[in-house]
């Protein structure tokens, strides 16, 4: 099931992107444009969740399959390095909500300051070069209109990072850390499986994820029963 869902998410992301880049008009007066932006944002989020599950070895029982699908998912998300992400995510689970946690911000925890810090820690020069190269391939090689590339490729990726950060980092780990968040310093969404799926592929059930990192995203809802 993990492999099937991973391939499905990658395929749907790619198929929808190909369609909107070439067939949907970028116009403030086009209501379908906004719907496609929201859908592509959700598919982008699914890409990262797939990469995240691969890091925990829950996409497949075979390590190599996890590495291949996980690497592909995070590369498509934003030219990211699976190896680097996996190393940092391991630190997040080991040193959760401390100064050694690369996902955590120990300052005043203003949302935008924390998000900017979060992005800065993960952004690399190689990633910027990859994304710039892909942008130029879209525009100058494939002759895709530049507004479509910006609105349907770049904007949903940025919105996806906001969705992942807000639901999967900011809300679960922000202070104060009360007794109900221990020992993982993580809170969780209230039980509403539909909203949990729509908001971030059940990743808002974050205490449950830290309690059982080997539970794949599509099984997390069972932890709330």
N, C-alpha and C. Protein backbone atom coordinates (compact mmCIF):
# COMPACT_ATOMS: atom_id res chain seq x y z
N UNK A 1 0.82 -1.20 0.00
CA UNK A 1 0.00 0.00 0.00
C UNK A 1 0.87 1.27 0.00
N UNK A 2 1.96 1.25 0.77
CA UNK A 2 2.84 2.42 0.84
C UNK A 2 3.43 2.76 -0.51
N UNK A 3 3.91 1.75 -1.23
CA UNK A 3 4.50 1.97 -2.55
C UNK A 3 3.43 2.46 -3.53
N UNK A 4 2.26 1.85 -3.48
CA UNK A 4 1.17 2.24 -4.36
C UNK A 4 0.79 3.71 -4.14
N UNK A 5 0.64 4.12 -2.87
CA UNK A 5 0.25 5.50 -2.58
C UNK A 5 1.35 6.48 -2.97
N UNK A 6 2.60 6.09 -2.77
CA UNK A 6 3.71 6.96 -3.14
C UNK A 6 3.72 7.20 -4.64
N UNK A 7 3.59 6.14 -5.41
CA UNK A 7 3.58 6.26 -6.88
C UNK A 7 2.35 7.04 -7.34
N UNK A 8 1.21 6.80 -6.68
CA UNK A 8 -0.02 7.51 -7.04
C UNK A 8 0.14 9.01 -6.81
N UNK A 9 0.68 9.40 -5.67
CA UNK A 9 0.85 10.82 -5.36
C UNK A 9 1.80 11.48 -6.35
N UNK A 10 2.90 10.82 -6.66
CA UNK A 10 3.86 11.37 -7.61
C UNK A 10 3.22 11.50 -8.99
N UNK A 11 2.46 10.48 -9.40
CA UNK A 11 1.82 10.50 -10.72
C UNK A 11 0.75 11.59 -10.80
N UNK A 12 -0.07 11.72 -9.76
CA UNK A 12 -1.13 12.74 -9.76
C UNK A 12 -0.51 14.13 -9.75
N UNK A 13 0.53 14.32 -8.94
CA UNK A 13 1.23 15.61 -8.92
C UNK A 13 1.74 15.96 -10.32
N UNK A 14 2.43 15.00 -10.95
CA UNK A 14 3.00 15.25 -12.26
C UNK A 14 1.96 15.44 -13.34
N UNK A 15 0.91 14.62 -13.33
CA UNK A 15 -0.14 14.73 -14.34
C UNK A 15 -0.89 16.03 -14.24
N UNK A 16 -1.23 16.42 -13.02
CA UNK A 16 -1.96 17.67 -12.83
C UNK A 16 -1.09 18.87 -13.20
N UNK A 17 0.18 18.80 -12.84
CA UNK A 17 1.10 19.90 -13.17
C UNK A 17 1.21 20.06 -14.69
N UNK A 18 1.37 18.95 -15.40
CA UNK A 18 1.48 19.01 -16.85
C UNK A 18 0.22 19.64 -17.46
N UNK A 19 -0.92 19.30 -16.91
CA UNK A 19 -2.18 19.84 -17.44
C UNK A 19 -2.29 21.34 -17.20
N UNK A 20 -2.04 21.78 -15.98
CA UNK A 20 -2.26 23.20 -15.67
C UNK A 20 -1.19 24.09 -16.30
N UNK A 21 0.01 23.57 -16.49
CA UNK A 21 1.05 24.37 -17.12
C UNK A 21 0.72 24.68 -18.58
N UNK A 22 0.01 23.78 -19.21
CA UNK A 22 -0.22 23.91 -20.66
C UNK A 22 -1.66 24.23 -21.05
N UNK A 23 -2.60 24.05 -20.12
CA UNK A 23 -4.01 24.13 -20.53
C UNK A 23 -4.88 25.08 -19.73
N UNK A 24 -4.37 25.67 -18.67
CA UNK A 24 -5.18 26.55 -17.83
C UNK A 24 -4.68 27.99 -17.96
N UNK A 25 -5.60 28.90 -18.21
CA UNK A 25 -5.24 30.31 -18.36
C UNK A 25 -4.94 30.95 -17.01
N UNK A 26 -3.86 31.70 -16.97
CA UNK A 26 -3.54 32.48 -15.77
C UNK A 26 -4.22 33.83 -15.90
N UNK A 27 -5.29 33.99 -15.13
CA UNK A 27 -6.06 35.23 -15.16
C UNK A 27 -6.77 35.39 -13.83
N UNK A 28 -6.72 36.59 -13.27
CA UNK A 28 -7.39 36.85 -12.00
C UNK A 28 -8.88 36.61 -12.08
N UNK A 29 -9.42 36.67 -13.30
CA UNK A 29 -10.86 36.47 -13.50
C UNK A 29 -11.23 35.02 -13.73
N UNK A 30 -10.24 34.13 -13.73
CA UNK A 30 -10.48 32.71 -13.97
C UNK A 30 -10.60 31.96 -12.64
N UNK A 31 -11.82 31.60 -12.22
CA UNK A 31 -11.98 30.93 -10.91
C UNK A 31 -11.30 29.56 -10.87
N UNK A 32 -11.18 28.91 -12.03
CA UNK A 32 -10.55 27.59 -12.05
C UNK A 32 -9.06 27.67 -11.71
N UNK A 33 -8.45 28.80 -11.98
CA UNK A 33 -7.04 28.96 -11.66
C UNK A 33 -6.79 28.77 -10.17
N UNK A 34 -7.65 29.36 -9.35
CA UNK A 34 -7.48 29.28 -7.91
C UNK A 34 -7.69 27.85 -7.41
N UNK A 35 -8.66 27.16 -7.99
CA UNK A 35 -8.90 25.78 -7.61
C UNK A 35 -7.68 24.92 -7.94
N UNK A 36 -7.11 25.13 -9.12
CA UNK A 36 -5.94 24.34 -9.52
C UNK A 36 -4.73 24.65 -8.65
N UNK A 37 -4.60 25.89 -8.21
CA UNK A 37 -3.50 26.25 -7.30
C UNK A 37 -3.65 25.49 -5.98
N UNK A 38 -4.87 25.46 -5.46
CA UNK A 38 -5.12 24.74 -4.20
C UNK A 38 -4.86 23.24 -4.35
N UNK A 39 -5.32 22.68 -5.46
CA UNK A 39 -5.11 21.25 -5.69
C UNK A 39 -3.62 20.93 -5.81
N UNK A 40 -2.90 21.76 -6.57
CA UNK A 40 -1.48 21.48 -6.77
C UNK A 40 -0.70 21.67 -5.47
N UNK A 41 -1.13 22.63 -4.66
CA UNK A 41 -0.51 22.80 -3.34
C UNK A 41 -0.68 21.53 -2.51
N UNK A 42 -1.87 20.96 -2.55
CA UNK A 42 -2.14 19.74 -1.79
C UNK A 42 -1.30 18.58 -2.31
N UNK A 43 -1.13 18.50 -3.62
CA UNK A 43 -0.31 17.44 -4.19
C UNK A 43 1.17 17.64 -3.85
N UNK A 44 1.60 18.90 -3.80
CA UNK A 44 2.97 19.18 -3.35
C UNK A 44 3.19 18.70 -1.92
N UNK A 45 2.22 18.98 -1.08
CA UNK A 45 2.30 18.53 0.31
C UNK A 45 2.40 17.01 0.37
N UNK A 46 1.64 16.35 -0.48
CA UNK A 46 1.71 14.89 -0.54
C UNK A 46 3.07 14.39 -0.95
N UNK A 47 3.74 15.11 -1.85
CA UNK A 47 5.10 14.74 -2.25
C UNK A 47 6.02 14.72 -1.03
N UNK A 48 5.96 15.79 -0.24
CA UNK A 48 6.86 15.85 0.91
C UNK A 48 6.50 14.80 1.95
N UNK A 49 5.22 14.58 2.18
CA UNK A 49 4.81 13.56 3.13
C UNK A 49 5.31 12.19 2.68
N UNK A 50 5.31 11.94 1.37
CA UNK A 50 5.85 10.69 0.83
C UNK A 50 7.34 10.58 1.13
N UNK A 51 8.08 11.67 0.88
CA UNK A 51 9.50 11.67 1.20
C UNK A 51 9.75 11.48 2.68
N UNK A 52 8.92 12.11 3.49
CA UNK A 52 9.05 11.98 4.95
C UNK A 52 8.84 10.54 5.40
N UNK A 53 7.81 9.89 4.87
CA UNK A 53 7.56 8.50 5.25
C UNK A 53 8.68 7.58 4.79
N UNK A 54 9.26 7.89 3.63
CA UNK A 54 10.39 7.10 3.15
C UNK A 54 11.57 7.19 4.12
N UNK A 55 11.76 8.37 4.71
CA UNK A 55 12.85 8.54 5.67
C UNK A 55 12.66 7.65 6.89
N UNK A 56 11.40 7.38 7.22
CA UNK A 56 11.11 6.50 8.35
C UNK A 56 11.00 5.03 7.93
N UNK A 57 11.20 4.76 6.65
CA UNK A 57 11.16 3.39 6.16
C UNK A 57 9.77 2.81 6.10
N UNK A 58 8.75 3.67 5.92
CA UNK A 58 7.38 3.18 5.96
C UNK A 58 6.69 3.16 4.59
N UNK A 59 7.40 3.56 3.55
CA UNK A 59 6.83 3.45 2.21
C UNK A 59 6.93 2.00 1.74
N UNK A 60 8.08 1.39 2.00
CA UNK A 60 8.31 0.00 1.59
C UNK A 60 9.15 -0.70 2.64
N UNK A 61 9.03 -2.02 2.68
CA UNK A 61 9.87 -2.82 3.58
C UNK A 61 11.30 -2.90 3.06
N UNK A 62 11.50 -2.51 1.81
CA UNK A 62 12.82 -2.56 1.20
C UNK A 62 13.47 -1.18 1.27
N UNK A 63 14.65 -1.09 1.86
CA UNK A 63 15.33 0.19 2.07
C UNK A 63 15.59 0.91 0.75
N UNK A 64 16.00 0.18 -0.27
CA UNK A 64 16.33 0.80 -1.54
C UNK A 64 15.10 1.43 -2.18
N UNK A 65 13.95 0.78 -2.05
CA UNK A 65 12.72 1.33 -2.61
C UNK A 65 12.36 2.63 -1.89
N UNK A 66 12.51 2.65 -0.57
CA UNK A 66 12.29 3.88 0.19
C UNK A 66 13.19 5.00 -0.30
N UNK A 67 14.46 4.69 -0.50
CA UNK A 67 15.41 5.71 -0.93
C UNK A 67 15.08 6.25 -2.31
N UNK A 68 14.69 5.36 -3.23
CA UNK A 68 14.38 5.80 -4.60
C UNK A 68 13.13 6.68 -4.62
N UNK A 69 12.05 6.20 -4.00
CA UNK A 69 10.80 6.96 -4.02
C UNK A 69 10.92 8.23 -3.17
N UNK A 70 11.60 8.13 -2.05
CA UNK A 70 11.78 9.31 -1.20
C UNK A 70 12.63 10.37 -1.87
N UNK A 71 13.71 9.94 -2.52
CA UNK A 71 14.58 10.88 -3.23
C UNK A 71 13.84 11.56 -4.37
N UNK A 72 13.05 10.78 -5.10
CA UNK A 72 12.28 11.34 -6.21
C UNK A 72 11.25 12.34 -5.72
N UNK A 73 10.56 12.00 -4.63
CA UNK A 73 9.50 12.87 -4.11
C UNK A 73 10.04 14.22 -3.65
N UNK A 74 11.13 14.22 -2.88
CA UNK A 74 11.64 15.50 -2.37
C UNK A 74 12.36 16.30 -3.46
N UNK A 75 12.90 15.60 -4.46
CA UNK A 75 13.50 16.32 -5.58
C UNK A 75 12.42 17.04 -6.38
N UNK A 76 11.32 16.35 -6.65
CA UNK A 76 10.23 16.97 -7.38
C UNK A 76 9.60 18.10 -6.57
N UNK A 77 9.61 17.97 -5.26
CA UNK A 77 9.02 19.00 -4.41
C UNK A 77 9.77 20.32 -4.56
N UNK A 78 11.09 20.28 -4.47
CA UNK A 78 11.85 21.54 -4.59
C UNK A 78 13.34 21.29 -4.78
N UNK A 79 13.71 20.25 -5.53
CA UNK A 79 15.12 19.98 -5.78
C UNK A 79 15.91 19.68 -4.52
N UNK A 80 15.25 19.09 -3.52
CA UNK A 80 15.88 18.87 -2.22
C UNK A 80 16.68 17.57 -2.17
N UNK A 81 17.63 17.53 -1.23
CA UNK A 81 18.46 16.36 -1.04
C UNK A 81 17.82 15.43 -0.01
N UNK A 82 17.47 14.23 -0.43
CA UNK A 82 16.86 13.25 0.47
C UNK A 82 17.81 12.89 1.61
N UNK A 83 19.07 12.71 1.29
CA UNK A 83 20.07 12.32 2.29
C UNK A 83 20.18 13.39 3.38
N UNK A 84 20.22 14.65 2.97
CA UNK A 84 20.34 15.75 3.94
C UNK A 84 19.06 15.87 4.77
N UNK A 85 17.93 15.75 4.12
CA UNK A 85 16.66 15.82 4.84
C UNK A 85 16.55 14.70 5.88
N UNK A 86 16.95 13.51 5.49
CA UNK A 86 16.85 12.37 6.40
C UNK A 86 17.74 12.57 7.63
N UNK A 87 18.93 13.10 7.41
CA UNK A 87 19.83 13.37 8.54
C UNK A 87 19.23 14.39 9.49
N UNK A 88 18.70 15.49 8.94
CA UNK A 88 18.12 16.53 9.79
C UNK A 88 16.84 16.06 10.47
N UNK A 89 16.04 15.25 9.77
CA UNK A 89 14.81 14.78 10.37
C UNK A 89 15.10 13.81 11.52
N UNK A 90 16.17 13.07 11.39
CA UNK A 90 16.58 12.21 12.50
C UNK A 90 16.92 13.04 13.73
N UNK A 91 17.56 14.18 13.52
CA UNK A 91 17.88 15.08 14.64
C UNK A 91 16.62 15.65 15.25
N UNK A 92 15.62 15.94 14.39
CA UNK A 92 14.36 16.48 14.89
C UNK A 92 13.72 15.50 15.87
N UNK A 93 13.70 14.23 15.53
CA UNK A 93 13.09 13.24 16.42
C UNK A 93 13.94 12.99 17.66
N UNK A 94 15.24 13.06 17.52
CA UNK A 94 16.14 12.78 18.65
C UNK A 94 16.20 13.95 19.63
N UNK A 95 16.19 15.17 19.10
CA UNK A 95 16.36 16.37 19.94
C UNK A 95 15.15 17.29 19.84
N UNK A 96 13.97 16.71 19.77
CA UNK A 96 12.77 17.47 19.46
C UNK A 96 12.59 18.70 20.36
N UNK A 97 12.32 19.83 19.71
CA UNK A 97 12.02 21.10 20.38
C UNK A 97 13.14 21.56 21.31
N UNK A 98 14.40 21.36 20.87
CA UNK A 98 15.56 21.87 21.60
C UNK A 98 16.42 22.64 20.61
N UNK A 99 17.50 23.24 21.10
CA UNK A 99 18.38 24.01 20.22
C UNK A 99 19.10 23.13 19.20
N UNK A 100 19.11 21.82 19.44
CA UNK A 100 19.75 20.88 18.50
C UNK A 100 18.78 20.35 17.45
N UNK A 101 17.52 20.77 17.55
CA UNK A 101 16.49 20.37 16.59
C UNK A 101 16.50 21.35 15.42
N UNK A 102 16.87 20.90 14.20
CA UNK A 102 16.95 21.82 13.06
C UNK A 102 15.60 22.39 12.63
N UNK A 103 14.50 21.77 13.08
CA UNK A 103 13.17 22.27 12.73
C UNK A 103 12.63 23.29 13.73
N UNK A 104 13.31 23.42 14.86
CA UNK A 104 12.76 24.20 15.97
C UNK A 104 13.44 25.57 16.06
N UNK A 105 12.67 26.56 16.47
CA UNK A 105 13.19 27.90 16.67
C UNK A 105 13.03 28.26 18.14
N UNK A 106 14.14 28.57 18.80
CA UNK A 106 14.11 28.79 20.24
C UNK A 106 13.83 30.25 20.61
N UNK A 107 13.69 31.13 19.62
CA UNK A 107 13.42 32.54 19.90
C UNK A 107 11.98 32.78 20.32
N UNK A 108 11.43 33.93 19.90
CA UNK A 108 10.07 34.28 20.35
C UNK A 108 8.98 33.51 19.61
N UNK A 109 9.36 32.72 18.63
CA UNK A 109 8.46 31.82 17.90
C UNK A 109 7.36 32.54 17.14
N UNK A 110 7.66 33.73 16.68
CA UNK A 110 6.77 34.39 15.73
C UNK A 110 6.69 33.49 14.49
N UNK A 111 5.47 33.32 13.97
CA UNK A 111 5.28 32.37 12.87
C UNK A 111 6.21 32.65 11.69
N UNK A 112 6.25 33.89 11.23
CA UNK A 112 7.01 34.21 10.03
C UNK A 112 8.52 34.16 10.27
N UNK A 113 8.94 34.56 11.46
CA UNK A 113 10.37 34.48 11.80
C UNK A 113 10.80 33.01 11.86
N UNK A 114 9.98 32.20 12.50
CA UNK A 114 10.29 30.77 12.61
C UNK A 114 10.30 30.12 11.22
N UNK A 115 9.29 30.45 10.40
CA UNK A 115 9.23 29.86 9.06
C UNK A 115 10.43 30.27 8.22
N UNK A 116 10.81 31.55 8.28
CA UNK A 116 11.97 32.03 7.53
C UNK A 116 13.25 31.33 8.00
N UNK A 117 13.37 31.15 9.31
CA UNK A 117 14.54 30.44 9.86
C UNK A 117 14.54 28.99 9.41
N UNK A 118 13.39 28.38 9.45
CA UNK A 118 13.20 26.99 9.02
C UNK A 118 13.64 26.83 7.56
N UNK A 119 13.18 27.73 6.70
CA UNK A 119 13.51 27.67 5.28
C UNK A 119 15.00 27.91 5.06
N UNK A 120 15.58 28.85 5.78
CA UNK A 120 17.00 29.18 5.62
C UNK A 120 17.88 27.98 5.98
N UNK A 121 17.50 27.25 7.00
CA UNK A 121 18.29 26.10 7.44
C UNK A 121 18.30 24.97 6.41
N UNK A 122 17.25 24.89 5.62
CA UNK A 122 17.13 23.78 4.67
C UNK A 122 17.53 24.17 3.24
N UNK A 123 17.53 25.46 2.94
CA UNK A 123 17.85 25.91 1.59
C UNK A 123 19.34 25.77 1.31
N UNK A 124 19.69 25.25 0.12
CA UNK A 124 21.09 25.09 -0.25
C UNK A 124 21.34 25.74 -1.61
N UNK A 125 22.61 26.02 -1.88
CA UNK A 125 22.99 26.62 -3.16
C UNK A 125 22.67 25.66 -4.30
N UNK A 126 22.94 24.37 -4.11
CA UNK A 126 22.66 23.37 -5.14
C UNK A 126 21.17 23.34 -5.45
N UNK A 127 20.34 23.44 -4.42
CA UNK A 127 18.89 23.43 -4.62
C UNK A 127 18.46 24.63 -5.46
N UNK A 128 19.02 25.80 -5.18
CA UNK A 128 18.69 27.01 -5.93
C UNK A 128 19.08 26.85 -7.40
N UNK A 129 20.26 26.26 -7.63
CA UNK A 129 20.73 26.05 -9.01
C UNK A 129 19.80 25.08 -9.74
N UNK A 130 19.40 24.01 -9.06
CA UNK A 130 18.49 23.03 -9.67
C UNK A 130 17.17 23.67 -10.06
N UNK A 131 16.59 24.42 -9.13
CA UNK A 131 15.30 25.05 -9.40
C UNK A 131 15.40 26.10 -10.51
N UNK A 132 16.51 26.84 -10.53
CA UNK A 132 16.71 27.84 -11.59
C UNK A 132 16.84 27.15 -12.94
N UNK A 133 17.55 26.03 -12.96
CA UNK A 133 17.72 25.28 -14.22
C UNK A 133 16.37 24.75 -14.71
N UNK A 134 15.59 24.19 -13.80
CA UNK A 134 14.28 23.67 -14.17
C UNK A 134 13.36 24.78 -14.68
N UNK A 135 13.42 25.92 -14.04
CA UNK A 135 12.61 27.07 -14.47
C UNK A 135 12.94 27.45 -15.91
N UNK A 136 14.20 27.51 -16.22
CA UNK A 136 14.62 27.88 -17.58
C UNK A 136 14.27 26.80 -18.59
N UNK A 137 14.29 25.54 -18.17
CA UNK A 137 13.87 24.45 -19.06
C UNK A 137 12.39 24.58 -19.39
N UNK A 138 11.58 24.85 -18.35
CA UNK A 138 10.15 25.04 -18.57
C UNK A 138 9.87 26.16 -19.57
N UNK A 139 10.54 27.31 -19.36
CA UNK A 139 10.23 28.51 -20.13
C UNK A 139 10.88 28.51 -21.50
N UNK A 140 12.17 28.18 -21.57
CA UNK A 140 12.92 28.37 -22.81
C UNK A 140 13.03 27.11 -23.67
N UNK A 141 12.93 25.94 -23.04
CA UNK A 141 13.04 24.69 -23.80
C UNK A 141 11.65 24.13 -24.13
N UNK A 142 10.79 24.08 -23.12
CA UNK A 142 9.45 23.53 -23.32
C UNK A 142 8.44 24.58 -23.77
N UNK A 143 8.87 25.86 -23.77
CA UNK A 143 8.03 26.97 -24.23
C UNK A 143 6.71 27.09 -23.46
N UNK A 144 6.77 26.83 -22.17
CA UNK A 144 5.60 27.02 -21.31
C UNK A 144 5.52 28.49 -20.91
N UNK A 145 4.35 29.11 -21.01
CA UNK A 145 4.23 30.53 -20.64
C UNK A 145 4.76 30.80 -19.23
N UNK A 146 5.55 31.84 -19.11
CA UNK A 146 6.18 32.15 -17.83
C UNK A 146 5.17 32.36 -16.70
N UNK A 147 4.03 33.04 -16.95
CA UNK A 147 3.05 33.18 -15.87
C UNK A 147 2.55 31.83 -15.35
N UNK A 148 2.38 30.85 -16.23
CA UNK A 148 1.93 29.52 -15.81
C UNK A 148 2.98 28.84 -14.93
N UNK A 149 4.25 29.01 -15.28
CA UNK A 149 5.32 28.40 -14.48
C UNK A 149 5.34 29.01 -13.08
N UNK A 150 5.18 30.32 -13.02
CA UNK A 150 5.21 30.99 -11.71
C UNK A 150 3.99 30.62 -10.88
N UNK A 151 2.81 30.70 -11.48
CA UNK A 151 1.56 30.51 -10.74
C UNK A 151 1.31 29.04 -10.39
N UNK A 152 1.65 28.13 -11.27
CA UNK A 152 1.30 26.73 -11.07
C UNK A 152 2.45 25.83 -10.62
N UNK A 153 3.68 26.31 -10.77
CA UNK A 153 4.84 25.50 -10.33
C UNK A 153 5.49 26.08 -9.08
N UNK A 154 5.70 27.39 -9.07
CA UNK A 154 6.40 28.01 -7.94
C UNK A 154 5.46 28.30 -6.77
N UNK A 155 4.33 28.95 -7.05
CA UNK A 155 3.42 29.35 -5.97
C UNK A 155 2.91 28.15 -5.16
N UNK A 156 2.44 27.06 -5.79
CA UNK A 156 1.98 25.91 -4.99
C UNK A 156 3.09 25.28 -4.14
N UNK A 157 4.31 25.30 -4.63
CA UNK A 157 5.42 24.76 -3.84
C UNK A 157 5.64 25.58 -2.58
N UNK A 158 5.57 26.91 -2.71
CA UNK A 158 5.73 27.79 -1.54
C UNK A 158 4.57 27.60 -0.57
N UNK A 159 3.36 27.54 -1.11
CA UNK A 159 2.18 27.32 -0.26
C UNK A 159 2.27 25.95 0.43
N UNK A 160 2.82 24.96 -0.27
CA UNK A 160 2.99 23.64 0.33
C UNK A 160 3.93 23.67 1.52
N UNK A 161 5.01 24.45 1.41
CA UNK A 161 5.93 24.56 2.55
C UNK A 161 5.24 25.22 3.74
N UNK A 162 4.39 26.22 3.45
CA UNK A 162 3.64 26.87 4.53
C UNK A 162 2.68 25.90 5.20
N UNK A 163 2.00 25.09 4.39
CA UNK A 163 1.07 24.11 4.94
C UNK A 163 1.80 23.09 5.80
N UNK A 164 2.90 22.57 5.30
CA UNK A 164 3.68 21.58 6.05
C UNK A 164 4.24 22.18 7.33
N UNK A 165 4.77 23.40 7.23
CA UNK A 165 5.36 24.03 8.41
C UNK A 165 4.30 24.34 9.46
N UNK A 166 3.16 24.91 9.02
CA UNK A 166 2.14 25.31 9.98
C UNK A 166 1.52 24.11 10.70
N UNK A 167 1.14 23.09 9.93
CA UNK A 167 0.45 21.94 10.53
C UNK A 167 1.42 20.96 11.16
N UNK A 168 2.62 20.80 10.54
CA UNK A 168 3.53 19.76 10.99
C UNK A 168 4.66 20.20 11.88
N UNK A 169 4.85 21.52 12.04
CA UNK A 169 5.95 22.00 12.91
C UNK A 169 5.47 23.07 13.88
N UNK A 170 4.89 24.14 13.35
CA UNK A 170 4.54 25.28 14.19
C UNK A 170 3.47 24.93 15.23
N UNK A 171 2.33 24.43 14.77
CA UNK A 171 1.25 24.11 15.71
C UNK A 171 1.64 23.01 16.70
N UNK A 172 2.27 21.92 16.25
CA UNK A 172 2.57 20.83 17.19
C UNK A 172 3.63 21.18 18.22
N UNK A 173 4.65 21.97 17.83
CA UNK A 173 5.82 22.11 18.69
C UNK A 173 6.01 23.48 19.32
N UNK A 174 5.14 24.45 19.03
CA UNK A 174 5.32 25.76 19.63
C UNK A 174 5.08 25.70 21.14
N UNK A 175 5.75 26.58 21.84
CA UNK A 175 5.55 26.67 23.28
C UNK A 175 4.16 27.27 23.58
N UNK A 176 3.63 27.03 24.81
CA UNK A 176 4.25 26.28 25.92
C UNK A 176 4.10 24.77 25.77
N UNK A 177 5.05 24.04 26.34
CA UNK A 177 5.02 22.58 26.30
C UNK A 177 4.45 22.07 27.62
N UNK A 178 3.14 21.78 27.61
CA UNK A 178 2.51 21.34 28.85
C UNK A 178 2.69 19.84 29.05
N UNK A 179 2.15 19.34 30.15
CA UNK A 179 2.35 17.93 30.51
C UNK A 179 1.74 16.97 29.50
N UNK A 180 0.72 17.43 28.77
CA UNK A 180 0.06 16.54 27.81
C UNK A 180 0.90 16.34 26.55
N UNK A 181 1.94 17.17 26.38
CA UNK A 181 2.79 17.07 25.20
C UNK A 181 4.03 16.21 25.44
N UNK A 182 4.22 15.79 26.66
CA UNK A 182 5.41 15.02 26.99
C UNK A 182 5.23 13.54 26.64
N UNK A 183 6.31 12.83 26.32
CA UNK A 183 7.71 13.28 26.33
C UNK A 183 8.18 13.84 25.00
N UNK A 184 7.28 14.01 24.03
CA UNK A 184 7.70 14.39 22.68
C UNK A 184 7.62 15.88 22.42
N UNK A 185 7.16 16.65 23.41
CA UNK A 185 6.97 18.09 23.23
C UNK A 185 6.17 18.36 21.96
N UNK A 186 5.10 17.58 21.81
CA UNK A 186 4.27 17.69 20.60
C UNK A 186 2.80 17.59 20.98
N UNK A 187 2.01 18.47 20.42
CA UNK A 187 0.55 18.39 20.59
C UNK A 187 -0.05 17.79 19.32
N UNK A 188 -1.34 17.56 19.34
CA UNK A 188 -1.98 16.91 18.21
C UNK A 188 -3.31 17.58 17.88
N UNK A 189 -3.78 17.40 16.66
CA UNK A 189 -5.09 17.91 16.28
C UNK A 189 -6.19 17.16 17.01
N UNK A 190 -7.32 17.83 17.17
CA UNK A 190 -8.48 17.13 17.68
C UNK A 190 -8.93 16.10 16.66
N UNK A 191 -9.58 15.09 17.13
CA UNK A 191 -9.97 13.98 16.26
C UNK A 191 -11.05 14.41 15.27
N UNK A 192 -10.64 14.51 14.03
CA UNK A 192 -11.53 14.77 12.90
C UNK A 192 -10.77 14.28 11.68
N UNK A 193 -11.02 13.04 11.30
CA UNK A 193 -10.19 12.40 10.30
C UNK A 193 -10.25 13.10 8.94
N UNK A 194 -11.41 13.61 8.56
CA UNK A 194 -11.53 14.28 7.28
C UNK A 194 -10.66 15.54 7.27
N UNK A 195 -10.78 16.36 8.33
CA UNK A 195 -9.97 17.57 8.39
C UNK A 195 -8.49 17.23 8.51
N UNK A 196 -8.16 16.19 9.25
CA UNK A 196 -6.76 15.80 9.40
C UNK A 196 -6.15 15.41 8.05
N UNK A 197 -6.93 14.73 7.23
CA UNK A 197 -6.46 14.34 5.90
C UNK A 197 -6.34 15.55 4.99
N UNK A 198 -7.33 16.43 5.00
CA UNK A 198 -7.31 17.60 4.14
C UNK A 198 -6.24 18.61 4.55
N UNK A 199 -6.01 18.74 5.83
CA UNK A 199 -5.08 19.75 6.32
C UNK A 199 -3.63 19.37 6.09
N UNK A 200 -3.31 18.07 6.17
CA UNK A 200 -1.90 17.69 5.95
C UNK A 200 -1.69 16.19 6.00
N UNK A 201 -2.56 15.42 5.35
CA UNK A 201 -2.36 13.97 5.26
C UNK A 201 -2.16 13.32 6.64
N UNK A 202 -2.99 13.71 7.59
CA UNK A 202 -2.97 13.20 8.96
C UNK A 202 -1.73 13.62 9.74
N UNK A 203 -0.90 14.48 9.18
CA UNK A 203 0.33 14.85 9.87
C UNK A 203 0.07 15.75 11.06
N UNK A 204 -1.16 16.29 11.13
CA UNK A 204 -1.53 17.06 12.32
C UNK A 204 -1.67 16.19 13.55
N UNK A 205 -1.84 14.88 13.35
CA UNK A 205 -1.81 13.93 14.46
C UNK A 205 -0.34 13.72 14.83
N UNK A 206 0.24 14.78 15.35
CA UNK A 206 1.69 14.83 15.43
C UNK A 206 2.26 14.14 16.66
N UNK A 207 1.54 14.23 17.75
CA UNK A 207 2.00 13.47 18.93
C UNK A 207 2.05 11.99 18.58
N UNK A 208 1.03 11.53 17.88
CA UNK A 208 0.96 10.13 17.49
C UNK A 208 2.11 9.75 16.56
N UNK A 209 2.51 10.70 15.71
CA UNK A 209 3.64 10.41 14.82
C UNK A 209 4.93 10.25 15.63
N UNK A 210 5.15 11.13 16.60
CA UNK A 210 6.36 11.02 17.41
C UNK A 210 6.31 9.78 18.31
N UNK A 211 5.13 9.42 18.71
CA UNK A 211 4.98 8.23 19.55
C UNK A 211 5.26 6.96 18.74
N UNK A 212 4.92 7.00 17.46
CA UNK A 212 5.12 5.83 16.61
C UNK A 212 5.59 6.26 15.22
N UNK A 213 6.88 6.61 15.08
CA UNK A 213 7.41 7.11 13.80
C UNK A 213 7.32 6.10 12.67
N UNK A 214 7.17 4.84 13.00
CA UNK A 214 7.11 3.80 11.98
C UNK A 214 5.69 3.57 11.46
N UNK A 215 4.75 4.36 11.94
CA UNK A 215 3.38 4.27 11.42
C UNK A 215 3.26 5.17 10.21
N UNK A 216 2.91 4.64 9.03
CA UNK A 216 2.82 5.47 7.83
C UNK A 216 1.69 6.49 7.93
N UNK A 217 1.74 7.54 7.13
CA UNK A 217 0.77 8.63 7.24
C UNK A 217 -0.65 8.13 7.07
N UNK A 218 -0.85 7.15 6.20
CA UNK A 218 -2.21 6.70 5.91
C UNK A 218 -2.76 5.76 6.98
N UNK A 219 -1.96 5.47 7.99
CA UNK A 219 -2.42 4.67 9.12
C UNK A 219 -2.50 5.47 10.42
N UNK A 220 -2.02 6.73 10.38
CA UNK A 220 -1.97 7.52 11.60
C UNK A 220 -3.33 7.74 12.24
N UNK A 221 -4.37 7.81 11.41
CA UNK A 221 -5.70 8.07 11.96
C UNK A 221 -6.13 6.99 12.94
N UNK A 222 -5.59 5.78 12.78
CA UNK A 222 -5.95 4.69 13.69
C UNK A 222 -5.44 4.93 15.10
N UNK A 223 -4.40 5.75 15.21
CA UNK A 223 -3.85 6.07 16.53
C UNK A 223 -4.78 6.97 17.33
N UNK A 224 -5.74 7.57 16.63
CA UNK A 224 -6.67 8.48 17.30
C UNK A 224 -7.96 7.78 17.72
N UNK A 225 -8.07 6.49 17.41
CA UNK A 225 -9.32 5.77 17.74
C UNK A 225 -9.49 5.72 19.27
